[in-house]
Amino acid sequence: MAFTFITEANVTAYTTGTITTAAFNVSAGDLIVVAIGVINAGVWAASLADTAGNSYTLLTPIVNVVGSCTQTFAYCLSSSAQAGNQVTVTFNEAVSNCRKNALASVYTPDGGETVTYDVEANAISGWEASPWETGTCNTTGDDEVCVASVQTTAAVTFSNQEIPGGTAATLLTSPSTTMAGWYRILAATAAGLYAEIDVDASRRYVMQLVTFKSVVAGGLSIPRPLSRPLSGPFGGI
């Protein structure tokens, strides 16, 4: 297994400003993946910073205009070890009475390996009953960690998280009843990979799956990913 799950931390708040996760420990070379969701179609993550001094790459925000929610992923490879690391998310604009969620998870690659972004799959729903699924993607690495997250507009109960459908994944600790995250570590390439989760009510939502692959140190560098929104300037419907 080329990746090991290390820890997680989250935050949820109604706020007009930034949000900051609970503290977590990170080592140099660890992959930090952060999902950020907002119940507002006009607000999304604009930048991230942490106490370890890392620089984060933000994926393109996915916006559900009908459902009035957004989500995006950000990631980095930690440049140093930091006890009690905290991630602060800054948004594109300040809006009052706006629920904001963030869920950070940390993974370490095997010795002598580094990590690079691979692929992404998204889904936007105007109104859908259980189960919820992302679109599909084809991974390109033999060893990958796959992280999924969903942001919805109202409280639901999440269960039976899978990557892909039919294969159980590990649920991360949800920051609120409007956001869920889960992950699975793969040992081989996968075609048509997607994420799925069950819910107990129909809701509008934004859902994403991102994957990262391990590479030999000194090999591939980390590219800036190009997300593919489903439609509209930010993938809105």
Protein backbone atom coordinates (compact mmCIF):
# COMPACT_ATOMS: atom_id res chain seq x y z
CA MET A 1 0.00 0.00 0.00
CA ALA A 2 1.54 3.25 -1.15
CA PHE A 3 -0.49 5.55 1.10
CA THR A 4 -1.42 5.53 4.76
CA PHE A 5 -4.20 7.63 6.24
CA ILE A 6 -2.83 9.73 9.12
CA THR A 7 -5.42 12.08 10.57
CA GLU A 8 -8.24 14.53 9.88
CA ALA A 9 -9.64 17.83 11.18
CA ASN A 10 -12.70 19.88 10.35
CA VAL A 11 -14.64 23.06 11.03
CA THR A 12 -18.16 24.35 10.46
CA ALA A 13 -19.47 27.86 11.16
CA TYR A 14 -21.96 30.52 10.20
CA THR A 15 -19.64 33.41 9.49
CA THR A 16 -18.91 36.36 7.22
CA GLY A 17 -15.16 35.72 7.35
CA THR A 18 -12.57 32.96 7.32
CA ILE A 19 -12.84 29.53 8.91
CA THR A 20 -10.03 27.58 10.60
CA THR A 21 -9.86 23.83 11.18
CA ALA A 22 -9.08 22.14 14.45
CA ALA A 23 -5.38 21.39 15.02
CA PHE A 24 -3.70 18.30 13.58
CA ASN A 25 -0.13 17.03 13.27
CA VAL A 26 1.57 16.81 9.89
CA SER A 27 4.99 15.55 8.74
CA ALA A 28 7.14 16.78 5.86
CA GLY A 29 5.98 15.21 2.59
CA ASP A 30 2.46 14.43 3.80
CA LEU A 31 -0.44 15.01 1.41
CA ILE A 32 -3.05 17.36 2.89
CA VAL A 33 -6.43 17.33 1.12
CA VAL A 34 -9.07 19.89 2.10
CA ALA A 35 -12.71 19.89 0.97
CA ILE A 36 -14.51 23.22 1.39
CA GLY A 37 -18.28 23.57 1.10
CA VAL A 38 -20.60 26.56 1.40
CA ILE A 39 -24.39 26.87 1.45
CA ASN A 40 -24.41 29.87 -0.86
CA ALA A 41 -24.01 29.84 -4.65
CA GLY A 42 -21.98 33.05 -4.65
CA VAL A 43 -19.33 32.09 -2.10
CA TRP A 44 -16.42 29.70 -2.53
CA ALA A 45 -12.88 29.19 -1.25
CA ALA A 46 -10.41 31.70 -2.68
CA SER A 47 -7.22 30.75 -0.81
CA LEU A 48 -5.88 28.56 1.99
CA ALA A 49 -3.01 28.96 4.43
CA ASP A 50 -1.79 26.90 7.37
CA THR A 51 0.55 27.26 10.31
CA ALA A 52 3.10 25.00 8.60
CA GLY A 53 3.51 27.64 5.88
CA ASN A 54 2.32 25.43 3.02
CA SER A 55 1.12 26.68 -0.37
CA TYR A 56 -2.17 25.09 -1.48
CA THR A 57 -3.44 24.37 -4.98
CA LEU A 58 -7.16 25.11 -5.39
CA LEU A 59 -9.32 23.23 -7.86
CA THR A 60 -12.02 25.11 -9.76
CA PRO A 61 -15.09 25.76 -7.58
CA ILE A 62 -18.16 23.71 -8.50
CA VAL A 63 -21.37 25.73 -8.10
CA ASN A 64 -24.97 24.56 -7.86
CA VAL A 65 -26.86 27.74 -8.69
CA VAL A 66 -30.29 26.13 -8.26
CA GLY A 67 -29.36 24.53 -4.95
CA SER A 68 -27.33 27.51 -3.76
CA CYS A 69 -24.23 25.63 -2.64
CA THR A 70 -20.60 25.36 -3.70
CA GLN A 71 -17.68 23.05 -3.10
CA THR A 72 -14.04 22.82 -4.02
CA PHE A 73 -10.94 20.83 -3.10
CA ALA A 74 -7.50 22.15 -2.25
CA TYR A 75 -4.30 20.22 -1.59
CA CYS A 76 -0.60 20.49 -0.84
CA LEU A 77 2.43 18.41 0.06
CA SER A 78 3.56 19.65 3.44
CA SER A 79 6.97 21.29 3.25
CA SER A 80 7.72 20.70 6.93
CA ALA A 81 6.59 18.91 10.07
CA GLN A 82 4.16 20.84 12.23
CA ALA A 83 2.48 19.85 15.48
CA GLY A 84 -0.93 21.44 15.86
CA ASN A 85 -1.17 22.53 12.23
CA GLN A 86 -4.35 24.45 11.36
CA VAL A 87 -5.75 25.35 7.94
CA THR A 88 -7.48 28.71 7.45
CA VAL A 89 -9.79 29.19 4.45
CA THR A 90 -10.43 32.63 2.96
CA PHE A 91 -13.43 33.10 0.69
CA ASN A 92 -14.09 35.20 -2.41
CA GLU A 93 -16.54 37.45 -0.56
CA ALA A 94 -18.10 37.96 2.85
CA VAL A 95 -21.79 37.07 3.15
CA SER A 96 -23.68 37.06 6.44
CA ASN A 97 -25.58 34.04 7.77
CA CYS A 98 -23.65 31.68 5.50
CA ARG A 99 -22.80 28.10 6.53
CA LYS A 100 -19.18 27.21 5.69
CA ASN A 101 -17.62 23.76 6.12
CA ALA A 102 -14.07 22.47 5.72
CA LEU A 103 -12.70 18.95 6.12
CA ALA A 104 -8.94 18.29 6.00
CA SER A 105 -7.47 14.80 5.75
CA VAL A 106 -3.81 13.77 5.74
CA TYR A 107 -2.09 10.87 3.97
CA THR A 108 1.56 9.86 3.89
CA PRO A 109 3.22 8.07 0.94
CA ASP A 110 5.60 5.16 1.39
CA GLY A 111 9.27 5.99 1.91
CA GLY A 112 11.06 7.30 -1.16
CA GLU A 113 7.84 8.36 -2.89
CA THR A 114 6.12 11.68 -3.46
CA VAL A 115 2.61 12.54 -4.63
CA THR A 116 0.98 14.19 -7.63
CA TYR A 117 -2.63 15.11 -8.47
CA ASP A 118 -4.24 12.71 -10.95
CA VAL A 119 -7.91 13.12 -11.92
CA GLU A 120 -11.26 14.50 -10.76
CA ALA A 121 -14.96 13.67 -11.22
CA ASN A 122 -17.87 15.97 -10.29
CA ALA A 123 -21.65 15.95 -9.96
CA ILE A 124 -24.24 18.69 -9.53
CA SER A 125 -27.86 17.87 -8.74
CA GLY A 126 -30.94 20.05 -8.78
CA TRP A 127 -32.92 17.54 -6.69
CA GLU A 128 -32.09 13.89 -6.18
CA ALA A 129 -32.96 11.00 -3.89
CA SER A 130 -30.49 8.37 -2.64
CA PRO A 131 -27.96 7.24 -3.73
CA TRP A 132 -25.85 10.19 -4.81
CA GLU A 133 -23.00 9.61 -7.28
CA THR A 134 -20.24 11.59 -8.96
CA GLY A 135 -19.39 11.28 -12.61
CA THR A 136 -16.61 8.88 -13.57
CA CYS A 137 -12.86 9.22 -14.11
CA ASN A 138 -9.97 6.94 -15.10
CA THR A 139 -7.00 6.85 -12.76
CA THR A 140 -3.48 6.58 -14.18
CA GLY A 141 -1.41 5.44 -11.19
CA ASP A 142 -0.92 2.00 -9.65
CA ASP A 143 -1.12 3.46 -6.13
CA GLU A 144 -3.72 6.15 -5.48
CA VAL A 145 -5.66 7.75 -2.66
CA CYS A 146 -9.18 8.78 -3.64
CA VAL A 147 -11.02 11.42 -1.61
CA ALA A 148 -14.70 12.28 -2.07
CA SER A 149 -16.86 14.99 -0.54
CA VAL A 150 -20.43 16.23 -0.86
CA GLN A 151 -21.98 19.54 0.19
CA THR A 152 -25.75 19.75 0.35
CA THR A 153 -28.23 22.50 1.12
CA ALA A 154 -29.98 21.03 4.19
CA ALA A 155 -29.37 18.39 6.85
CA VAL A 156 -29.34 14.73 5.83
CA THR A 157 -28.07 11.46 7.31
CA PHE A 158 -25.16 10.01 5.31
CA SER A 159 -24.42 6.26 5.10
CA ASN A 160 -22.92 3.49 2.92
CA GLN A 161 -20.11 5.58 1.43
CA GLU A 162 -18.38 3.81 -1.49
CA ILE A 163 -15.54 4.27 -4.03
CA PRO A 164 -16.63 2.99 -6.53
CA GLY A 165 -20.25 1.99 -5.97
CA GLY A 166 -20.34 -1.43 -4.32
CA THR A 167 -16.94 -1.06 -2.62
CA ALA A 168 -16.93 0.36 0.90
CA ALA A 169 -14.83 3.44 1.64
CA THR A 170 -13.88 5.01 4.97
CA LEU A 171 -16.08 7.84 6.22
CA LEU A 172 -14.29 10.91 7.55
CA THR A 173 -15.73 12.85 10.47
CA SER A 174 -18.31 15.22 8.99
CA PRO A 175 -18.09 18.85 10.12
CA SER A 176 -21.89 19.16 9.93
CA THR A 177 -25.05 17.39 8.75
CA THR A 178 -24.69 19.18 5.40
CA MET A 179 -21.26 17.83 4.42
CA ALA A 180 -19.65 14.39 4.24
CA GLY A 181 -16.21 13.18 3.22
CA TRP A 182 -14.78 9.70 2.62
CA TYR A 183 -11.69 8.08 1.14
CA ARG A 184 -10.30 4.84 -0.29
CA ILE A 185 -6.74 3.80 -1.06
CA LEU A 186 -6.31 1.91 -4.35
CA ALA A 187 -3.49 -0.47 -5.30
CA ALA A 188 -4.15 -0.52 -9.08
CA THR A 189 -5.48 1.74 -11.83
CA ALA A 190 -9.25 2.01 -12.09
CA ALA A 191 -11.44 2.77 -15.10
CA GLY A 192 -14.81 4.43 -14.62
CA LEU A 193 -14.09 5.25 -10.98
CA TYR A 194 -16.82 7.13 -9.12
CA ALA A 195 -17.94 7.93 -5.58
CA GLU A 196 -21.34 7.08 -4.11
CA ILE A 197 -23.15 7.71 -0.82
CA ASP A 198 -26.63 7.02 0.54
CA VAL A 199 -28.83 9.70 2.12
CA ASP A 200 -32.18 9.66 3.85
CA ALA A 201 -33.81 12.55 1.96
CA SER A 202 -33.84 14.25 -1.44
CA ARG A 203 -31.64 17.31 -1.59
CA ARG A 204 -29.73 19.55 -3.96
CA TYR A 205 -25.98 19.08 -3.72
CA VAL A 206 -22.48 19.38 -5.16
CA MET A 207 -20.27 16.27 -5.03
CA GLN A 208 -16.64 15.69 -6.01
CA LEU A 209 -14.05 12.92 -6.21
CA VAL A 210 -10.32 13.67 -6.51
CA THR A 211 -7.44 11.23 -6.77
CA PHE A 212 -3.69 11.47 -6.12
CA LYS A 213 -0.98 9.04 -7.19
CA SER A 214 2.42 8.20 -5.75
CA VAL A 215 5.51 8.66 -7.88
CA VAL A 216 9.20 8.00 -7.39
CA ALA A 217 10.91 10.95 -5.74
CA GLY A 218 12.67 13.10 -8.32
CA GLY A 219 10.28 11.94 -11.04
CA LEU A 220 7.04 13.68 -11.92
CA SER A 221 6.38 17.14 -10.57
CA ILE A 222 3.03 18.36 -9.29
CA PRO A 223 1.02 19.94 -12.15
CA ARG A 224 -1.65 22.53 -11.67
CA PRO A 225 -4.89 20.63 -12.31
CA LEU A 226 -7.50 21.71 -14.83
CA SER A 227 -10.99 20.95 -13.53
CA ARG A 228 -13.84 20.35 -15.95
CA PRO A 229 -17.09 21.95 -14.71
CA LEU A 230 -20.17 20.28 -16.15
CA SER A 231 -21.66 23.50 -17.52
CA GLY A 232 -21.65 27.27 -17.01
CA PRO A 233 -18.71 29.40 -15.87
CA PHE A 234 -18.32 27.41 -12.65
CA GLY A 235 -20.31 24.30 -13.47
CA GLY A 236 -23.63 25.74 -12.26
CA ILE A 237 -27.00 24.41 -13.33
